[in-house]
PDB file of N, CA and C in Angstrom:
ATOM      1  N   MET A   1      -0.177   1.804  15.159  1.00  0.00           N
ATOM      2  CA  MET A   1      -0.817   3.022  14.711  1.00  0.00           C
ATOM      3  C   MET A   1      -2.252   2.702  14.331  1.00  0.00           C
ATOM      4  N   LYS A   2      -3.195   3.503  14.795  1.00  0.00           N
ATOM      5  CA  LYS A   2      -4.592   3.208  14.556  1.00  0.00           C
ATOM      6  C   LYS A   2      -5.062   3.573  13.146  1.00  0.00           C
ATOM      7  N   HIS A   3      -4.267   4.324  12.385  1.00  0.00           N
ATOM      8  CA  HIS A   3      -4.674   4.729  11.049  1.00  0.00           C
ATOM      9  C   HIS A   3      -4.093   3.829   9.973  1.00  0.00           C
ATOM     10  N   SER A   4      -3.301   2.844  10.348  1.00  0.00           N
ATOM     11  CA  SER A   4      -2.725   1.961   9.338  1.00  0.00           C
ATOM     12  C   SER A   4      -3.653   0.769   9.130  1.00  0.00           C
ATOM     13  N   ILE A   5      -3.724   0.311   7.885  1.00  0.00           N
ATOM     14  CA  ILE A   5      -4.551  -0.827   7.504  1.00  0.00           C
ATOM     15  C   ILE A   5      -3.658  -1.809   6.766  1.00  0.00           C
ATOM     16  N   LYS A   6      -3.693  -3.059   7.193  1.00  0.00           N
ATOM     17  CA  LYS A   6      -2.889  -4.077   6.542  1.00  0.00           C
ATOM     18  C   LYS A   6      -3.522  -4.427   5.192  1.00  0.00           C
ATOM     19  N   ASN A   7      -2.734  -4.392   4.132  1.00  0.00           N
ATOM     20  CA  ASN A   7      -3.204  -4.647   2.765  1.00  0.00           C
ATOM     21  C   ASN A   7      -4.459  -3.832   2.446  1.00  0.00           C
ATOM     22  N   PRO A   8      -4.345  -2.497   2.402  1.00  0.00           N
ATOM     23  CA  PRO A   8      -5.539  -1.664   2.242  1.00  0.00           C
ATOM     24  C   PRO A   8      -6.169  -1.795   0.853  1.00  0.00           C
ATOM     25  N   THR A   9      -7.485  -1.870   0.836  1.00  0.00           N
ATOM     26  CA  THR A   9      -8.276  -1.819  -0.384  1.00  0.00           C
ATOM     27  C   THR A   9      -9.344  -0.759  -0.181  1.00  0.00           C
ATOM     28  N   ILE A  10     -10.001  -0.343  -1.251  1.00  0.00           N
ATOM     29  CA  ILE A  10     -11.050   0.668  -1.128  1.00  0.00           C
ATOM     30  C   ILE A  10     -12.148   0.176  -0.197  1.00  0.00           C
ATOM     31  N   ARG A  11     -12.488  -1.092  -0.301  1.00  0.00           N
ATOM     32  CA  ARG A  11     -13.537  -1.652   0.543  1.00  0.00           C
ATOM     33  C   ARG A  11     -13.154  -1.643   2.022  1.00  0.00           C
ATOM     34  N   LYS A  12     -11.930  -2.028   2.344  1.00  0.00           N
ATOM     35  CA  LYS A  12     -11.479  -2.019   3.735  1.00  0.00           C
ATOM     36  C   LYS A  12     -11.456  -0.596   4.294  1.00  0.00           C
ATOM     37  N   VAL A  13     -10.995   0.349   3.479  1.00  0.00           N
ATOM     38  CA  VAL A  13     -10.906   1.744   3.924  1.00  0.00           C
ATOM     39  C   VAL A  13     -12.292   2.290   4.226  1.00  0.00           C
ATOM     40  N   ARG A  14     -13.257   2.070   3.320  1.00  0.00           N
ATOM     41  CA  ARG A  14     -14.630   2.547   3.536  1.00  0.00           C
ATOM     42  C   ARG A  14     -15.277   1.876   4.748  1.00  0.00           C
ATOM     43  N   ASN A  15     -15.042   0.577   4.930  1.00  0.00           N
ATOM     44  CA  ASN A  15     -15.638  -0.138   6.058  1.00  0.00           C
ATOM     45  C   ASN A  15     -15.119   0.348   7.403  1.00  0.00           C
ATOM     46  N   ARG A  16     -13.926   0.930   7.424  1.00  0.00           N
ATOM     47  CA  ARG A  16     -13.378   1.465   8.664  1.00  0.00           C
ATOM     48  C   ARG A  16     -13.752   2.936   8.881  1.00  0.00           C
ATOM     49  N   GLY A  17     -14.546   3.502   7.974  1.00  0.00           N
ATOM     50  CA  GLY A  17     -15.054   4.858   8.151  1.00  0.00           C
ATOM     51  C   GLY A  17     -14.179   5.948   7.569  1.00  0.00           C
ATOM     52  N   PHE A  18     -13.177   5.590   6.773  1.00  0.00           N
ATOM     53  CA  PHE A  18     -12.303   6.585   6.159  1.00  0.00           C
ATOM     54  C   PHE A  18     -12.726   6.835   4.710  1.00  0.00           C
ATOM     55  N   THR A  19     -12.165   7.877   4.108  1.00  0.00           N
ATOM     56  CA  THR A  19     -12.461   8.224   2.728  1.00  0.00           C
ATOM     57  C   THR A  19     -11.264   7.885   1.851  1.00  0.00           C
ATOM     58  N   PRO A  20     -11.408   6.964   0.893  1.00  0.00           N
ATOM     59  CA  PRO A  20     -10.283   6.636   0.010  1.00  0.00           C
ATOM     60  C   PRO A  20     -10.056   7.752  -1.015  1.00  0.00           C
ATOM     61  N   VAL A  21      -8.781   8.114  -1.228  1.00  0.00           N
ATOM     62  CA  VAL A  21      -8.439   9.215  -2.135  1.00  0.00           C
ATOM     63  C   VAL A  21      -7.210   8.861  -2.961  1.00  0.00           C
ATOM     64  N   ARG A  22      -7.033   9.605  -4.046  1.00  0.00           N
ATOM     65  CA  ARG A  22      -5.819   9.571  -4.854  1.00  0.00           C
ATOM     66  C   ARG A  22      -5.237  10.984  -4.828  1.00  0.00           C
ATOM     67  N   TYR A  23      -3.949  11.097  -4.522  1.00  0.00           N
ATOM     68  CA  TYR A  23      -3.275  12.379  -4.342  1.00  0.00           C
ATOM     69  C   TYR A  23      -2.204  12.538  -5.409  1.00  0.00           C
ATOM     70  N   HIS A  24      -2.268  13.648  -6.152  1.00  0.00           N
ATOM     71  CA  HIS A  24      -1.252  13.945  -7.154  1.00  0.00           C
ATOM     72  C   HIS A  24      -0.155  14.751  -6.477  1.00  0.00           C
ATOM     73  N   HIS A  25       0.907  14.081  -6.115  1.00  0.00           N
ATOM     74  CA  HIS A  25       2.042  14.661  -5.404  1.00  0.00           C
ATOM     75  C   HIS A  25       3.157  14.917  -6.413  1.00  0.00           C
ATOM     76  N   GLU A  26       4.184  15.649  -6.013  1.00  0.00           N
ATOM     77  CA  GLU A  26       5.302  15.920  -6.919  1.00  0.00           C
ATOM     78  C   GLU A  26       6.041  14.643  -7.318  1.00  0.00           C
ATOM     79  N   SER A  27       5.918  13.587  -6.514  1.00  0.00           N
ATOM     80  CA  SER A  27       6.576  12.316  -6.845  1.00  0.00           C
ATOM     81  C   SER A  27       5.655  11.357  -7.587  1.00  0.00           C
ATOM     82  N   GLY A  28       4.455  11.792  -7.942  1.00  0.00           N
ATOM     83  CA  GLY A  28       3.529  10.950  -8.701  1.00  0.00           C
ATOM     84  C   GLY A  28       2.183  10.843  -8.001  1.00  0.00           C
ATOM     85  N   PHE A  29       1.401   9.856  -8.424  1.00  0.00           N
ATOM     86  CA  PHE A  29       0.086   9.620  -7.836  1.00  0.00           C
ATOM     87  C   PHE A  29       0.205   8.622  -6.689  1.00  0.00           C
ATOM     88  N   HIS A  30      -0.498   8.908  -5.598  1.00  0.00           N
ATOM     89  CA  HIS A  30      -0.471   8.035  -4.428  1.00  0.00           C
ATOM     90  C   HIS A  30      -1.898   7.790  -3.967  1.00  0.00           C
ATOM     91  N   ASP A  31      -2.216   6.534  -3.674  1.00  0.00           N
ATOM     92  CA  ASP A  31      -3.524   6.169  -3.155  1.00  0.00           C
ATOM     93  C   ASP A  31      -3.445   6.018  -1.651  1.00  0.00           C
ATOM     94  N   GLY A  32      -4.479   6.507  -0.977  1.00  0.00           N
ATOM     95  CA  GLY A  32      -4.526   6.418   0.476  1.00  0.00           C
ATOM     96  C   GLY A  32      -5.906   6.776   0.967  1.00  0.00           C
ATOM     97  N   TRP A  33      -5.988   7.288   2.211  1.00  0.00           N
ATOM     98  CA  TRP A  33      -7.281   7.634   2.776  1.00  0.00           C
ATOM     99  C   TRP A  33      -7.153   8.812   3.708  1.00  0.00           C
ATOM    100  N   ILE A  34      -8.248   9.567   3.814  1.00  0.00           N
ATOM    101  CA  ILE A  34      -8.341  10.701   4.734  1.00  0.00           C
ATOM    102  C   ILE A  34      -8.876  10.172   6.050  1.00  0.00           C
ATOM    103  N   TYR A  35      -8.171  10.479   7.151  1.00  0.00           N
ATOM    104  CA  TYR A  35      -8.629  10.015   8.457  1.00  0.00           C
ATOM    105  C   TYR A  35      -9.059  11.148   9.378  1.00  0.00           C
ATOM    106  N   LYS A  36      -8.753  12.414   9.018  1.00  0.00           N
ATOM    107  CA  LYS A  36      -9.159  13.532   9.864  1.00  0.00           C
ATOM    108  C   LYS A  36      -9.221  14.790   9.019  1.00  0.00           C
ATOM    109  N   VAL A  37     -10.257  15.603   9.247  1.00  0.00           N
ATOM    110  CA  VAL A  37     -10.398  16.884   8.553  1.00  0.00           C
ATOM    111  C   VAL A  37     -10.472  17.965   9.611  1.00  0.00           C
ATOM    112  N   GLY A  38      -9.500  18.880   9.558  1.00  0.00           N
ATOM    113  CA  GLY A  38      -9.465  19.996  10.498  1.00  0.00           C
ATOM    114  C   GLY A  38      -9.858  21.282   9.800  1.00  0.00           C
ATOM    115  N   THR A  39      -9.659  22.407  10.490  1.00  0.00           N
ATOM    116  CA  THR A  39     -10.022  23.694   9.911  1.00  0.00           C
ATOM    117  C   THR A  39      -8.994  24.186   8.904  1.00  0.00           C
ATOM    118  N   LYS A  40      -7.712  23.873   9.122  1.00  0.00           N
ATOM    119  CA  LYS A  40      -6.654  24.316   8.207  1.00  0.00           C
ATOM    120  C   LYS A  40      -6.053  23.175   7.405  1.00  0.00           C
ATOM    121  N   TRP A  41      -6.036  21.976   7.970  1.00  0.00           N
ATOM    122  CA  TRP A  41      -5.356  20.847   7.357  1.00  0.00           C
ATOM    123  C   TRP A  41      -6.307  19.659   7.208  1.00  0.00           C
ATOM    124  N   THR A  42      -6.040  18.859   6.205  1.00  0.00           N
ATOM    125  CA  THR A  42      -6.675  17.554   6.064  1.00  0.00           C
ATOM    126  C   THR A  42      -5.573  16.530   6.255  1.00  0.00           C
ATOM    127  N   TYR A  43      -5.807  15.564   7.115  1.00  0.00           N
ATOM    128  CA  TYR A  43      -4.801  14.567   7.446  1.00  0.00           C
ATOM    129  C   TYR A  43      -5.106  13.285   6.698  1.00  0.00           C
ATOM    130  N   ALA A  44      -4.118  12.792   5.979  1.00  0.00           N
ATOM    131  CA  ALA A  44      -4.301  11.595   5.163  1.00  0.00           C
ATOM    132  C   ALA A  44      -3.158  10.626   5.409  1.00  0.00           C
ATOM    133  N   ARG A  45      -3.433   9.364   5.145  1.00  0.00           N
ATOM    134  CA  ARG A  45      -2.443   8.298   5.280  1.00  0.00           C
ATOM    135  C   ARG A  45      -2.241   7.673   3.914  1.00  0.00           C
ATOM    136  N   PHE A  46      -0.984   7.620   3.477  1.00  0.00           N
ATOM    137  CA  PHE A  46      -0.610   6.975   2.227  1.00  0.00           C
ATOM    138  C   PHE A  46       0.450   5.930   2.544  1.00  0.00           C
ATOM    139  N   PRO A  47       0.246   4.664   2.142  1.00  0.00           N
ATOM    140  CA  PRO A  47       1.248   3.636   2.435  1.00  0.00           C
ATOM    141  C   PRO A  47       2.633   3.978   1.883  1.00  0.00           C
ATOM    142  N   SER A  48       2.686   4.693   0.746  1.00  0.00           N
ATOM    143  CA  SER A  48       3.982   5.022   0.145  1.00  0.00           C
ATOM    144  C   SER A  48       4.606   6.285   0.732  1.00  0.00           C
ATOM    145  N   LEU A  49       3.808   7.167   1.347  1.00  0.00           N
ATOM    146  CA  LEU A  49       4.317   8.426   1.896  1.00  0.00           C
ATOM    147  C   LEU A  49       4.245   8.502   3.417  1.00  0.00           C
ATOM    148  N   GLY A  50       3.369   7.743   4.026  1.00  0.00           N
ATOM    149  CA  GLY A  50       3.130   7.844   5.459  1.00  0.00           C
ATOM    150  C   GLY A  50       2.005   8.825   5.732  1.00  0.00           C
ATOM    151  N   ASN A  51       1.983   9.387   6.932  1.00  0.00           N
ATOM    152  CA  ASN A  51       0.971  10.386   7.276  1.00  0.00           C
ATOM    153  C   ASN A  51       1.351  11.713   6.639  1.00  0.00           C
ATOM    154  N   VAL A  52       0.354  12.383   6.038  1.00  0.00           N
ATOM    155  CA  VAL A  52       0.599  13.631   5.310  1.00  0.00           C
ATOM    156  C   VAL A  52      -0.460  14.646   5.729  1.00  0.00           C
ATOM    157  N   ARG A  53      -0.021  15.888   5.950  1.00  0.00           N
ATOM    158  CA  ARG A  53      -0.948  17.000   6.151  1.00  0.00           C
ATOM    159  C   ARG A  53      -1.118  17.698   4.811  1.00  0.00           C
ATOM    160  N   ILE A  54      -2.349  17.882   4.392  1.00  0.00           N
ATOM    161  CA  ILE A  54      -2.640  18.536   3.124  1.00  0.00           C
ATOM    162  C   ILE A  54      -3.413  19.811   3.436  1.00  0.00           C
ATOM    163  N   SER A  55      -2.925  20.940   2.938  1.00  0.00           N
ATOM    164  CA  SER A  55      -3.614  22.203   3.192  1.00  0.00           C
ATOM    165  C   SER A  55      -4.887  22.279   2.372  1.00  0.00           C
ATOM    166  N   LYS A  56      -5.770  23.173   2.761  1.00  0.00           N
ATOM    167  CA  LYS A  56      -7.039  23.318   2.046  1.00  0.00           C
ATOM    168  C   LYS A  56      -6.807  23.750   0.599  1.00  0.00           C
ATOM    169  N   ALA A  57      -5.775  24.540   0.337  1.00  0.00           N
ATOM    170  CA  ALA A  57      -5.470  24.964  -1.027  1.00  0.00           C
ATOM    171  C   ALA A  57      -4.983  23.796  -1.883  1.00  0.00           C
ATOM    172  N   ASP A  58      -4.282  22.843  -1.277  1.00  0.00           N
ATOM    173  CA  ASP A  58      -3.771  21.689  -2.030  1.00  0.00           C
ATOM    174  C   ASP A  58      -4.788  20.570  -2.177  1.00  0.00           C
ATOM    175  N   MET A  59      -5.985  20.735  -1.633  1.00  0.00           N
ATOM    176  CA  MET A  59      -7.014  19.709  -1.781  1.00  0.00           C
ATOM    177  C   MET A  59      -7.479  19.586  -3.224  1.00  0.00           C
ATOM    178  N   ARG A  60      -7.102  20.545  -4.076  1.00  0.00           N
ATOM    179  CA  ARG A  60      -7.452  20.445  -5.496  1.00  0.00           C
ATOM    180  C   ARG A  60      -6.691  19.307  -6.163  1.00  0.00           C
ATOM    181  N   TYR A  61      -5.632  18.817  -5.533  1.00  0.00           N
ATOM    182  CA  TYR A  61      -4.860  17.695  -6.070  1.00  0.00           C
ATOM    183  C   TYR A  61      -5.341  16.354  -5.537  1.00  0.00           C
ATOM    184  N   VAL A  62      -6.401  16.356  -4.760  1.00  0.00           N
ATOM    185  CA  VAL A  62      -6.929  15.132  -4.152  1.00  0.00           C
ATOM    186  C   VAL A  62      -8.242  14.780  -4.830  1.00  0.00           C
ATOM    187  N   LYS A  63      -8.375  13.506  -5.210  1.00  0.00           N
ATOM    188  CA  LYS A  63      -9.598  13.026  -5.855  1.00  0.00           C
ATOM    189  C   LYS A  63     -10.119  11.839  -5.054  1.00  0.00           C
ATOM    190  N   GLU A  64     -11.409  11.876  -4.738  1.00  0.00           N
ATOM    191  CA  GLU A  64     -12.007  10.764  -3.997  1.00  0.00           C
ATOM    192  C   GLU A  64     -12.208   9.575  -4.927  1.00  0.00           C
ATOM    193  N   LEU A  65     -11.893   8.383  -4.440  1.00  0.00           N
ATOM    194  CA  LEU A  65     -12.068   7.167  -5.233  1.00  0.00           C
ATOM    195  C   LEU A  65     -13.403   6.523  -4.965  1.00  0.00           C
TER     196      LEU A  65
END
């Protein structure tokens, strides 16, 4: 998978051109990165959750690191 990073850190994520974020999900806080922004959805990768589609309304739960 081209969006996965082995042992991801904020520095590795930024160097690959992605945006590191923290997402407040119903199961807790998850760190990951945004790899694509569309018109309706923002696509993010979290090592603990996998690939996630986040709606524009739920972007209020996402904080850039």
